[in-house]
Amino acid sequence: MDNSRLLLRSGLTLAAAAALPAALAGPSAAVSGISVSTTGSTVSVVTSACTQINGSWGTAALLTSRQANFAQGRQVALSGTSVSQSAAWSSVSPGTYTVVVVCSSGATAGSQSVIVSAPASPARPTISSTSSPAPPRGVMGGLGGAARDYGPLTMGVGGALVGAGIVATAWVLRRRSKPYRL
């Protein structure tokens, strides 16, 4: 009977120690804060996720499938108001692209794939875009916070907390099994 209560307590201690880093890390990031559309050979993006810093809202980049990072794409500065910011690219050739928006604070507002198709006739432009955002690093499955890239400091603090919880649990279990020991 005492052993089952002891195991229950130590299990709860381990669960609390494991959940603490996730609770300290804060809420996970939103999936996407951008809306991308095409009209003929023009691609446009709209967001409301950025704030103005030093007169700049941020930058949007149009990446082809061969371009791996933000700096390689066609970059355009965002313009707009505190309610909505936008950017556009004209004369975009048909193909599949990824639009990435980085705010002036350095935070990524979102990324989304878009397909630009050749217009069927000059009189009717074709509008085509994907409705779900495509992560720039592929699908990131896992537990809740897997879509966020935590730095080494956060991971180190979390690991230290889990380790401290395990050591404390082992010490309590050892002490309770032989009460005359320290």
N, C-alpha and C. Protein backbone atom coordinates (compact mmCIF):
# COMPACT_ATOMS: atom_id res chain seq x y z
N MET A 1 0.82 -1.19 0.00
CA MET A 1 0.00 0.00 0.00
C MET A 1 0.87 1.25 0.00
N ASP A 2 1.90 1.30 0.88
CA ASP A 2 2.78 2.46 0.94
C ASP A 2 3.59 2.60 -0.34
N ASN A 3 3.99 1.47 -0.91
CA ASN A 3 4.75 1.52 -2.16
C ASN A 3 3.94 2.12 -3.30
N SER A 4 2.64 1.79 -3.37
CA SER A 4 1.83 2.33 -4.46
C SER A 4 1.67 3.84 -4.33
N ARG A 5 1.49 4.34 -3.09
CA ARG A 5 1.39 5.79 -2.89
C ARG A 5 2.72 6.47 -3.21
N LEU A 6 3.79 5.81 -2.85
CA LEU A 6 5.11 6.35 -3.13
C LEU A 6 5.37 6.43 -4.63
N LEU A 7 5.00 5.38 -5.35
CA LEU A 7 5.16 5.39 -6.81
C LEU A 7 4.28 6.44 -7.45
N LEU A 8 3.06 6.61 -6.93
CA LEU A 8 2.15 7.62 -7.47
C LEU A 8 2.74 9.01 -7.26
N ARG A 9 3.26 9.28 -6.07
CA ARG A 9 3.86 10.58 -5.79
C ARG A 9 5.08 10.85 -6.67
N SER A 10 5.93 9.85 -6.81
CA SER A 10 7.13 10.05 -7.64
C SER A 10 6.75 10.22 -9.11
N GLY A 11 5.71 9.52 -9.55
CA GLY A 11 5.24 9.69 -10.93
C GLY A 11 4.70 11.08 -11.17
N LEU A 12 3.95 11.60 -10.19
CA LEU A 12 3.44 12.96 -10.33
C LEU A 12 4.56 13.99 -10.31
N THR A 13 5.58 13.74 -9.50
CA THR A 13 6.73 14.65 -9.46
C THR A 13 7.44 14.67 -10.81
N LEU A 14 7.64 13.48 -11.39
CA LEU A 14 8.28 13.41 -12.71
C LEU A 14 7.44 14.09 -13.77
N ALA A 15 6.12 13.90 -13.72
CA ALA A 15 5.24 14.53 -14.71
C ALA A 15 5.29 16.05 -14.58
N ALA A 16 5.30 16.55 -13.35
CA ALA A 16 5.38 18.00 -13.15
C ALA A 16 6.72 18.55 -13.63
N ALA A 17 7.80 17.82 -13.37
CA ALA A 17 9.12 18.27 -13.81
C ALA A 17 9.22 18.26 -15.33
N ALA A 18 8.59 17.30 -15.97
CA ALA A 18 8.63 17.24 -17.43
C ALA A 18 7.77 18.32 -18.05
N ALA A 19 6.67 18.71 -17.41
CA ALA A 19 5.77 19.72 -17.97
C ALA A 19 6.25 21.14 -17.71
N LEU A 20 7.13 21.35 -16.75
CA LEU A 20 7.58 22.69 -16.40
C LEU A 20 8.26 23.44 -17.55
N PRO A 21 9.19 22.84 -18.31
CA PRO A 21 9.80 23.59 -19.41
C PRO A 21 8.77 24.03 -20.46
N ALA A 22 7.79 23.19 -20.73
CA ALA A 22 6.76 23.57 -21.71
C ALA A 22 5.91 24.71 -21.19
N ALA A 23 5.62 24.72 -19.89
CA ALA A 23 4.82 25.80 -19.32
C ALA A 23 5.60 27.10 -19.30
N LEU A 24 6.90 27.03 -19.05
CA LEU A 24 7.73 28.25 -19.03
C LEU A 24 7.96 28.81 -20.43
N ALA A 25 7.89 27.96 -21.45
CA ALA A 25 8.19 28.40 -22.81
C ALA A 25 7.11 29.30 -23.37
N GLY A 26 5.88 29.20 -22.90
CA GLY A 26 4.81 30.06 -23.38
C GLY A 26 4.02 29.40 -24.48
N PRO A 27 3.05 30.13 -25.04
CA PRO A 27 2.18 29.56 -26.07
C PRO A 27 2.94 29.32 -27.37
N SER A 28 2.47 28.36 -28.14
CA SER A 28 3.13 28.06 -29.41
C SER A 28 2.73 29.10 -30.46
N ALA A 29 3.53 29.19 -31.50
CA ALA A 29 3.31 30.19 -32.55
C ALA A 29 2.10 29.83 -33.39
N ALA A 30 1.50 30.83 -34.03
CA ALA A 30 0.36 30.60 -34.91
C ALA A 30 0.84 29.92 -36.18
N VAL A 31 -0.08 29.22 -36.82
CA VAL A 31 0.29 28.47 -38.02
C VAL A 31 0.72 29.41 -39.14
N SER A 32 -0.10 30.39 -39.48
CA SER A 32 0.27 31.32 -40.52
C SER A 32 -0.52 32.60 -40.35
N GLY A 33 0.17 33.72 -40.50
CA GLY A 33 -0.49 35.00 -40.37
C GLY A 33 -0.50 35.76 -41.68
N ILE A 34 -0.46 35.03 -42.81
CA ILE A 34 -0.43 35.70 -44.11
C ILE A 34 -1.49 35.13 -45.03
N SER A 35 -1.86 35.92 -46.03
CA SER A 35 -2.79 35.48 -47.06
C SER A 35 -2.17 35.80 -48.42
N VAL A 36 -2.01 34.77 -49.26
CA VAL A 36 -1.35 34.93 -50.55
C VAL A 36 -2.36 34.70 -51.66
N SER A 37 -2.29 35.52 -52.71
CA SER A 37 -3.17 35.34 -53.87
C SER A 37 -2.40 35.65 -55.15
N THR A 38 -2.90 35.11 -56.26
CA THR A 38 -2.30 35.38 -57.57
C THR A 38 -3.38 35.89 -58.51
N THR A 39 -2.97 36.79 -59.38
CA THR A 39 -3.82 37.27 -60.47
C THR A 39 -2.94 37.32 -61.70
N GLY A 40 -3.11 36.34 -62.59
CA GLY A 40 -2.24 36.27 -63.76
C GLY A 40 -0.81 36.01 -63.34
N SER A 41 0.09 36.94 -63.66
CA SER A 41 1.50 36.77 -63.31
C SER A 41 1.89 37.65 -62.12
N THR A 42 0.91 38.12 -61.35
CA THR A 42 1.17 38.94 -60.17
C THR A 42 0.83 38.14 -58.92
N VAL A 43 1.77 38.10 -57.99
CA VAL A 43 1.57 37.44 -56.70
C VAL A 43 1.54 38.52 -55.64
N SER A 44 0.54 38.45 -54.73
CA SER A 44 0.47 39.44 -53.66
C SER A 44 0.27 38.73 -52.33
N VAL A 45 0.74 39.39 -51.27
CA VAL A 45 0.63 38.85 -49.92
C VAL A 45 0.11 39.96 -49.00
N VAL A 46 -0.76 39.57 -48.05
CA VAL A 46 -1.32 40.50 -47.08
C VAL A 46 -1.16 39.88 -45.70
N THR A 47 -0.78 40.71 -44.72
CA THR A 47 -0.64 40.25 -43.34
C THR A 47 -1.04 41.37 -42.41
N SER A 48 -1.33 41.02 -41.18
CA SER A 48 -1.57 42.03 -40.15
C SER A 48 -0.73 41.71 -38.91
N ALA A 49 0.26 40.86 -39.09
CA ALA A 49 1.06 40.37 -37.96
C ALA A 49 2.26 41.26 -37.62
N CYS A 50 2.62 42.19 -38.49
CA CYS A 50 3.85 42.98 -38.27
C CYS A 50 3.56 44.32 -37.63
N THR A 51 4.54 44.82 -36.89
CA THR A 51 4.48 46.15 -36.32
C THR A 51 5.62 46.97 -36.90
N GLN A 52 5.42 48.26 -36.99
CA GLN A 52 6.41 49.13 -37.60
C GLN A 52 7.53 49.43 -36.62
N ILE A 53 8.78 49.19 -37.05
CA ILE A 53 9.96 49.49 -36.25
C ILE A 53 10.91 50.29 -37.12
N ASN A 54 11.29 51.49 -36.66
CA ASN A 54 12.19 52.39 -37.40
C ASN A 54 11.70 52.64 -38.82
N GLY A 55 10.40 52.82 -38.98
CA GLY A 55 9.84 53.15 -40.29
C GLY A 55 9.69 51.97 -41.23
N SER A 56 9.94 50.76 -40.79
CA SER A 56 9.85 49.59 -41.65
C SER A 56 8.87 48.57 -41.05
N TRP A 57 8.03 48.00 -41.91
CA TRP A 57 7.10 46.95 -41.48
C TRP A 57 7.77 45.58 -41.55
N GLY A 58 8.66 45.41 -42.51
CA GLY A 58 9.31 44.12 -42.70
C GLY A 58 9.52 43.85 -44.18
N THR A 59 9.80 42.60 -44.52
CA THR A 59 10.12 42.22 -45.89
C THR A 59 9.40 40.92 -46.23
N ALA A 60 8.99 40.82 -47.49
CA ALA A 60 8.40 39.58 -48.01
C ALA A 60 9.30 39.06 -49.13
N ALA A 61 9.42 37.74 -49.20
CA ALA A 61 10.27 37.13 -50.22
C ALA A 61 9.49 36.08 -50.98
N LEU A 62 9.73 36.00 -52.28
CA LEU A 62 9.13 35.00 -53.16
C LEU A 62 10.22 34.01 -53.53
N LEU A 63 10.09 32.76 -53.06
CA LEU A 63 11.12 31.74 -53.26
C LEU A 63 10.65 30.68 -54.24
N THR A 64 11.55 30.27 -55.13
CA THR A 64 11.26 29.13 -55.98
C THR A 64 11.61 27.85 -55.23
N SER A 65 11.31 26.70 -55.81
CA SER A 65 11.61 25.43 -55.14
C SER A 65 13.11 25.18 -55.02
N ARG A 66 13.92 25.84 -55.82
CA ARG A 66 15.37 25.66 -55.76
C ARG A 66 16.04 26.59 -54.76
N GLN A 67 15.34 27.57 -54.26
CA GLN A 67 15.91 28.52 -53.32
C GLN A 67 15.62 28.05 -51.89
N ALA A 68 16.67 27.95 -51.10
CA ALA A 68 16.55 27.35 -49.78
C ALA A 68 16.23 28.36 -48.67
N ASN A 69 16.64 29.61 -48.81
CA ASN A 69 16.42 30.53 -47.70
C ASN A 69 15.90 31.88 -48.18
N PHE A 70 15.52 32.69 -47.21
CA PHE A 70 14.88 33.97 -47.43
C PHE A 70 15.74 34.92 -48.27
N ALA A 71 17.04 34.92 -48.06
CA ALA A 71 17.93 35.86 -48.74
C ALA A 71 18.05 35.59 -50.23
N GLN A 72 17.75 34.37 -50.67
CA GLN A 72 17.88 34.03 -52.08
C GLN A 72 16.66 34.43 -52.91
N GLY A 73 15.54 34.72 -52.29
CA GLY A 73 14.31 35.02 -53.02
C GLY A 73 14.23 36.47 -53.47
N ARG A 74 13.19 36.74 -54.26
CA ARG A 74 12.89 38.11 -54.68
C ARG A 74 12.25 38.82 -53.51
N GLN A 75 12.95 39.80 -52.94
CA GLN A 75 12.47 40.47 -51.75
C GLN A 75 11.80 41.79 -52.09
N VAL A 76 10.71 42.08 -51.35
CA VAL A 76 9.96 43.32 -51.49
C VAL A 76 9.64 43.81 -50.08
N ALA A 77 9.79 45.12 -49.84
CA ALA A 77 9.45 45.69 -48.54
C ALA A 77 7.93 45.74 -48.38
N LEU A 78 7.47 45.46 -47.17
CA LEU A 78 6.03 45.55 -46.87
C LEU A 78 5.64 47.02 -46.76
N SER A 79 4.42 47.33 -47.18
CA SER A 79 3.89 48.67 -47.02
C SER A 79 2.46 48.54 -46.51
N GLY A 80 1.97 49.58 -45.84
CA GLY A 80 0.61 49.54 -45.35
C GLY A 80 0.42 50.33 -44.09
N THR A 81 -0.53 49.87 -43.27
CA THR A 81 -0.88 50.54 -42.02
C THR A 81 -0.76 49.54 -40.88
N SER A 82 -1.13 50.00 -39.67
CA SER A 82 -1.08 49.10 -38.52
C SER A 82 -2.12 47.99 -38.61
N VAL A 83 -3.12 48.17 -39.46
CA VAL A 83 -4.17 47.15 -39.64
C VAL A 83 -3.76 46.09 -40.65
N SER A 84 -3.10 46.50 -41.73
CA SER A 84 -2.77 45.56 -42.80
C SER A 84 -1.53 46.00 -43.55
N GLN A 85 -0.64 45.04 -43.81
CA GLN A 85 0.56 45.30 -44.60
C GLN A 85 0.53 44.37 -45.81
N SER A 86 1.13 44.82 -46.92
CA SER A 86 1.08 44.02 -48.14
C SER A 86 2.34 44.21 -48.97
N ALA A 87 2.53 43.27 -49.88
CA ALA A 87 3.62 43.33 -50.86
C ALA A 87 3.15 42.59 -52.09
N ALA A 88 3.76 42.90 -53.26
CA ALA A 88 3.36 42.25 -54.51
C ALA A 88 4.57 42.10 -55.43
N TRP A 89 4.52 41.06 -56.25
CA TRP A 89 5.52 40.79 -57.27
C TRP A 89 4.80 40.70 -58.60
N SER A 90 5.32 41.37 -59.62
CA SER A 90 4.70 41.30 -60.95
C SER A 90 5.63 40.54 -61.88
N SER A 91 5.10 40.12 -63.01
CA SER A 91 5.84 39.37 -64.03
C SER A 91 6.45 38.09 -63.47
N VAL A 92 5.68 37.37 -62.70
CA VAL A 92 6.13 36.10 -62.13
C VAL A 92 5.81 35.00 -63.14
N SER A 93 6.81 34.21 -63.48
CA SER A 93 6.60 33.13 -64.45
C SER A 93 5.83 31.98 -63.80
N PRO A 94 5.12 31.17 -64.59
CA PRO A 94 4.36 30.05 -64.03
C PRO A 94 5.24 29.08 -63.26
N GLY A 95 4.71 28.57 -62.16
CA GLY A 95 5.43 27.62 -61.33
C GLY A 95 4.91 27.64 -59.91
N THR A 96 5.57 26.88 -59.04
CA THR A 96 5.21 26.81 -57.63
C THR A 96 6.22 27.62 -56.83
N TYR A 97 5.71 28.48 -55.97
CA TYR A 97 6.55 29.37 -55.18
C TYR A 97 6.17 29.29 -53.71
N THR A 98 7.07 29.75 -52.85
CA THR A 98 6.78 29.90 -51.43
C THR A 98 6.96 31.37 -51.08
N VAL A 99 5.95 31.94 -50.46
CA VAL A 99 6.01 33.33 -50.01
C VAL A 99 6.30 33.31 -48.52
N VAL A 100 7.33 34.05 -48.10
CA VAL A 100 7.71 34.14 -46.69
C VAL A 100 7.70 35.61 -46.30
N VAL A 101 7.06 35.92 -45.16
CA VAL A 101 7.01 37.28 -44.65
C VAL A 101 7.76 37.34 -43.33
N VAL A 102 8.77 38.22 -43.25
CA VAL A 102 9.54 38.42 -42.02
C VAL A 102 9.33 39.87 -41.58
N CYS A 103 8.81 40.04 -40.37
CA CYS A 103 8.55 41.38 -39.84
C CYS A 103 9.87 42.08 -39.49
N SER A 104 9.81 43.39 -39.29
CA SER A 104 11.02 44.15 -38.98
C SER A 104 11.59 43.76 -37.62
N SER A 105 10.80 43.12 -36.77
CA SER A 105 11.29 42.63 -35.49
C SER A 105 12.12 41.36 -35.63
N GLY A 106 12.10 40.76 -36.82
CA GLY A 106 12.84 39.52 -37.07
C GLY A 106 11.96 38.29 -36.97
N ALA A 107 10.73 38.43 -36.51
CA ALA A 107 9.81 37.30 -36.39
C ALA A 107 9.19 36.98 -37.75
N THR A 108 9.02 35.70 -38.02
CA THR A 108 8.38 35.28 -39.27
C THR A 108 6.88 35.33 -39.09
N ALA A 109 6.20 36.13 -39.92
CA ALA A 109 4.74 36.24 -39.85
C ALA A 109 4.08 35.00 -40.43
N GLY A 110 4.74 34.32 -41.35
CA GLY A 110 4.20 33.10 -41.94
C GLY A 110 4.82 32.81 -43.29
N SER A 111 4.53 31.63 -43.77
CA SER A 111 4.96 31.23 -45.11
C SER A 111 3.84 30.42 -45.73
N GLN A 112 3.72 30.52 -47.03
CA GLN A 112 2.63 29.84 -47.73
C GLN A 112 3.06 29.54 -49.15
N SER A 113 2.68 28.37 -49.64
CA SER A 113 2.97 28.00 -51.02
C SER A 113 1.88 28.55 -51.94
N VAL A 114 2.28 28.88 -53.15
CA VAL A 114 1.33 29.41 -54.13
C VAL A 114 1.72 28.87 -55.51
N ILE A 115 0.72 28.60 -56.32
CA ILE A 115 0.95 28.13 -57.69
C ILE A 115 0.54 29.23 -58.65
N VAL A 116 1.48 29.64 -59.49
CA VAL A 116 1.19 30.63 -60.52
C VAL A 116 1.06 29.87 -61.83
N SER A 117 -0.11 29.97 -62.43
CA SER A 117 -0.33 29.25 -63.68
C SER A 117 -0.43 30.26 -64.83
N ALA A 118 -0.12 29.79 -66.03
CA ALA A 118 -0.20 30.65 -67.20
C ALA A 118 -1.67 30.96 -67.47
N PRO A 119 -1.99 32.21 -67.77
CA PRO A 119 -3.39 32.56 -68.04
C PRO A 119 -3.91 31.83 -69.28
N ALA A 120 -5.17 31.38 -69.20
CA ALA A 120 -5.80 30.68 -70.32
C ALA A 120 -5.97 31.60 -71.52
N SER A 121 -6.31 32.84 -71.25
CA SER A 121 -6.43 33.83 -72.31
C SER A 121 -6.09 35.19 -71.70
N PRO A 122 -5.64 36.13 -72.50
CA PRO A 122 -5.28 37.44 -71.94
C PRO A 122 -6.46 38.14 -71.27
N ALA A 123 -7.70 37.81 -71.66
CA ALA A 123 -8.86 38.49 -71.11
C ALA A 123 -9.23 37.98 -69.72
N ARG A 124 -8.90 36.69 -69.38
CA ARG A 124 -9.28 36.11 -68.10
C ARG A 124 -8.04 35.66 -67.32
N PRO A 125 -7.64 36.36 -66.29
CA PRO A 125 -6.53 35.87 -65.47
C PRO A 125 -6.98 34.70 -64.59
N THR A 126 -6.08 33.79 -64.31
CA THR A 126 -6.37 32.64 -63.47
C THR A 126 -5.89 32.92 -62.06
N ILE A 127 -6.75 32.68 -61.09
CA ILE A 127 -6.41 32.88 -59.70
C ILE A 127 -6.26 31.50 -59.06
N SER A 128 -5.10 31.26 -58.47
CA SER A 128 -4.84 29.97 -57.87
C SER A 128 -3.89 30.13 -56.70
N SER A 129 -4.24 29.55 -55.57
CA SER A 129 -3.33 29.51 -54.43
C SER A 129 -3.72 28.36 -53.54
N THR A 130 -2.79 27.93 -52.71
CA THR A 130 -3.09 26.87 -51.76
C THR A 130 -3.66 27.50 -50.51
N SER A 131 -4.56 26.81 -49.84
CA SER A 131 -5.20 27.38 -48.67
C SER A 131 -4.46 27.06 -47.39
N SER A 132 -3.63 26.05 -47.39
CA SER A 132 -2.89 25.71 -46.18
C SER A 132 -1.43 26.10 -46.34
N PRO A 133 -0.84 26.65 -45.29
CA PRO A 133 0.56 27.07 -45.37
C PRO A 133 1.49 25.86 -45.41
N ALA A 134 2.60 26.01 -46.08
CA ALA A 134 3.60 24.95 -46.14
C ALA A 134 4.78 25.36 -45.27
N PRO A 135 5.11 24.55 -44.27
CA PRO A 135 6.25 24.90 -43.42
C PRO A 135 7.53 24.94 -44.23
N PRO A 136 8.41 25.90 -43.96
CA PRO A 136 9.63 26.00 -44.75
C PRO A 136 10.60 24.84 -44.53
N ARG A 137 10.46 24.10 -43.42
CA ARG A 137 11.36 23.00 -43.14
C ARG A 137 10.65 21.66 -43.18
N GLY A 138 9.53 21.56 -43.88
CA GLY A 138 8.80 20.30 -43.96
C GLY A 138 7.84 20.15 -42.79
N VAL A 139 7.20 19.01 -42.72
CA VAL A 139 6.23 18.75 -41.68
C VAL A 139 6.95 18.50 -40.37
N MET A 140 6.51 19.17 -39.33
CA MET A 140 7.15 19.03 -38.02
C MET A 140 6.14 18.44 -37.04
N GLY A 141 5.99 17.12 -37.05
CA GLY A 141 5.06 16.45 -36.15
C GLY A 141 5.63 16.41 -34.75
N GLY A 142 4.78 16.12 -33.79
CA GLY A 142 5.26 16.00 -32.43
C GLY A 142 4.26 16.51 -31.43
N LEU A 143 4.72 16.86 -30.27
CA LEU A 143 3.87 17.35 -29.21
C LEU A 143 3.79 18.86 -29.25
N GLY A 144 2.65 19.43 -29.46
CA GLY A 144 2.35 20.84 -29.40
C GLY A 144 3.41 21.84 -29.80
N GLY A 145 4.52 21.91 -29.12
CA GLY A 145 5.54 22.92 -29.37
C GLY A 145 6.55 22.52 -30.41
N ALA A 146 6.32 21.44 -31.15
CA ALA A 146 7.30 20.98 -32.12
C ALA A 146 7.45 21.92 -33.30
N ALA A 147 6.49 22.79 -33.53
CA ALA A 147 6.57 23.69 -34.67
C ALA A 147 7.39 24.93 -34.35
N ARG A 148 7.84 25.06 -33.13
CA ARG A 148 8.63 26.23 -32.74
C ARG A 148 10.07 25.79 -32.53
N ASP A 149 10.99 26.61 -32.98
CA ASP A 149 12.40 26.30 -32.86
C ASP A 149 12.94 26.97 -31.60
N TYR A 150 13.15 26.19 -30.52
CA TYR A 150 13.65 26.75 -29.28
C TYR A 150 15.17 26.81 -29.32
N GLY A 151 15.71 27.82 -28.69
CA GLY A 151 17.16 28.00 -28.67
C GLY A 151 17.83 27.06 -27.68
N PRO A 152 19.16 27.03 -27.71
CA PRO A 152 19.90 26.13 -26.81
C PRO A 152 19.73 26.49 -25.34
N LEU A 153 19.52 27.75 -25.02
CA LEU A 153 19.34 28.14 -23.63
C LEU A 153 18.05 27.55 -23.07
N THR A 154 16.96 27.66 -23.80
CA THR A 154 15.68 27.12 -23.36
C THR A 154 15.75 25.61 -23.22
N MET A 155 16.36 24.95 -24.18
CA MET A 155 16.49 23.50 -24.11
C MET A 155 17.38 23.09 -22.94
N GLY A 156 18.45 23.84 -22.67
CA GLY A 156 19.34 23.54 -21.55
C GLY A 156 18.64 23.69 -20.21
N VAL A 157 17.87 24.78 -20.05
CA VAL A 157 17.13 25.00 -18.80
C VAL A 157 16.09 23.89 -18.62
N GLY A 158 15.40 23.53 -19.68
CA GLY A 158 14.42 22.44 -19.58
C GLY A 158 15.06 21.12 -19.20
N GLY A 159 16.19 20.82 -19.81
CA GLY A 159 16.90 19.58 -19.47
C GLY A 159 17.38 19.58 -18.04
N ALA A 160 17.86 20.73 -17.57
CA ALA A 160 18.33 20.84 -16.19
C ALA A 160 17.17 20.64 -15.21
N LEU A 161 16.00 21.19 -15.52
CA LEU A 161 14.83 21.00 -14.65
C LEU A 161 14.39 19.55 -14.60
N VAL A 162 14.38 18.88 -15.74
CA VAL A 162 14.01 17.47 -15.77
C VAL A 162 15.04 16.65 -14.99
N GLY A 163 16.31 16.93 -15.20
CA GLY A 163 17.35 16.22 -14.46
C GLY A 163 17.24 16.45 -12.96
N ALA A 164 16.97 17.68 -12.54
CA ALA A 164 16.82 17.97 -11.11
C ALA A 164 15.63 17.23 -10.53
N GLY A 165 14.55 17.13 -11.29
CA GLY A 165 13.38 16.38 -10.84
C GLY A 165 13.68 14.90 -10.67
N ILE A 166 14.44 14.34 -11.58
CA ILE A 166 14.80 12.92 -11.49
C ILE A 166 15.70 12.67 -10.29
N VAL A 167 16.70 13.53 -10.08
CA VAL A 167 17.60 13.38 -8.94
C VAL A 167 16.83 13.53 -7.63
N ALA A 168 15.94 14.50 -7.54
CA ALA A 168 15.16 14.71 -6.32
C ALA A 168 14.26 13.52 -6.05
N THR A 169 13.66 12.97 -7.07
CA THR A 169 12.79 11.80 -6.91
C THR A 169 13.59 10.60 -6.42
N ALA A 170 14.75 10.37 -7.00
CA ALA A 170 15.59 9.25 -6.57
C ALA A 170 16.03 9.44 -5.12
N TRP A 171 16.38 10.66 -4.72
CA TRP A 171 16.80 10.93 -3.35
C TRP A 171 15.66 10.67 -2.37
N VAL A 172 14.44 11.12 -2.71
CA VAL A 172 13.29 10.91 -1.83
C VAL A 172 12.97 9.43 -1.72
N LEU A 173 13.00 8.71 -2.83
CA LEU A 173 12.73 7.27 -2.79
C LEU A 173 13.78 6.54 -1.95
N ARG A 174 15.03 6.92 -2.07
CA ARG A 174 16.09 6.27 -1.30
C ARG A 174 15.94 6.58 0.18
N ARG A 175 15.61 7.80 0.50
CA ARG A 175 15.47 8.22 1.89
C ARG A 175 14.28 7.54 2.55
N ARG A 176 13.18 7.40 1.81
CA ARG A 176 11.99 6.78 2.39
C ARG A 176 12.17 5.27 2.58
N SER A 177 13.00 4.65 1.76
CA SER A 177 13.20 3.22 1.91
C SER A 177 14.04 2.91 3.15
N LYS A 178 14.90 3.81 3.57
CA LYS A 178 15.74 3.64 4.76
C LYS A 178 15.74 4.96 5.53
N PRO A 179 14.79 5.13 6.43
CA PRO A 179 14.61 6.43 7.09
C PRO A 179 15.77 6.86 7.99
N TYR A 180 16.68 5.94 8.36
CA TYR A 180 17.78 6.31 9.23
C TYR A 180 18.95 6.91 8.45
N ARG A 181 18.85 6.97 7.12
CA ARG A 181 19.92 7.55 6.30
C ARG A 181 19.58 8.99 5.92
N LEU A 182 20.60 9.75 5.59
CA LEU A 182 20.39 11.12 5.15
C LEU A 182 20.28 11.18 3.66
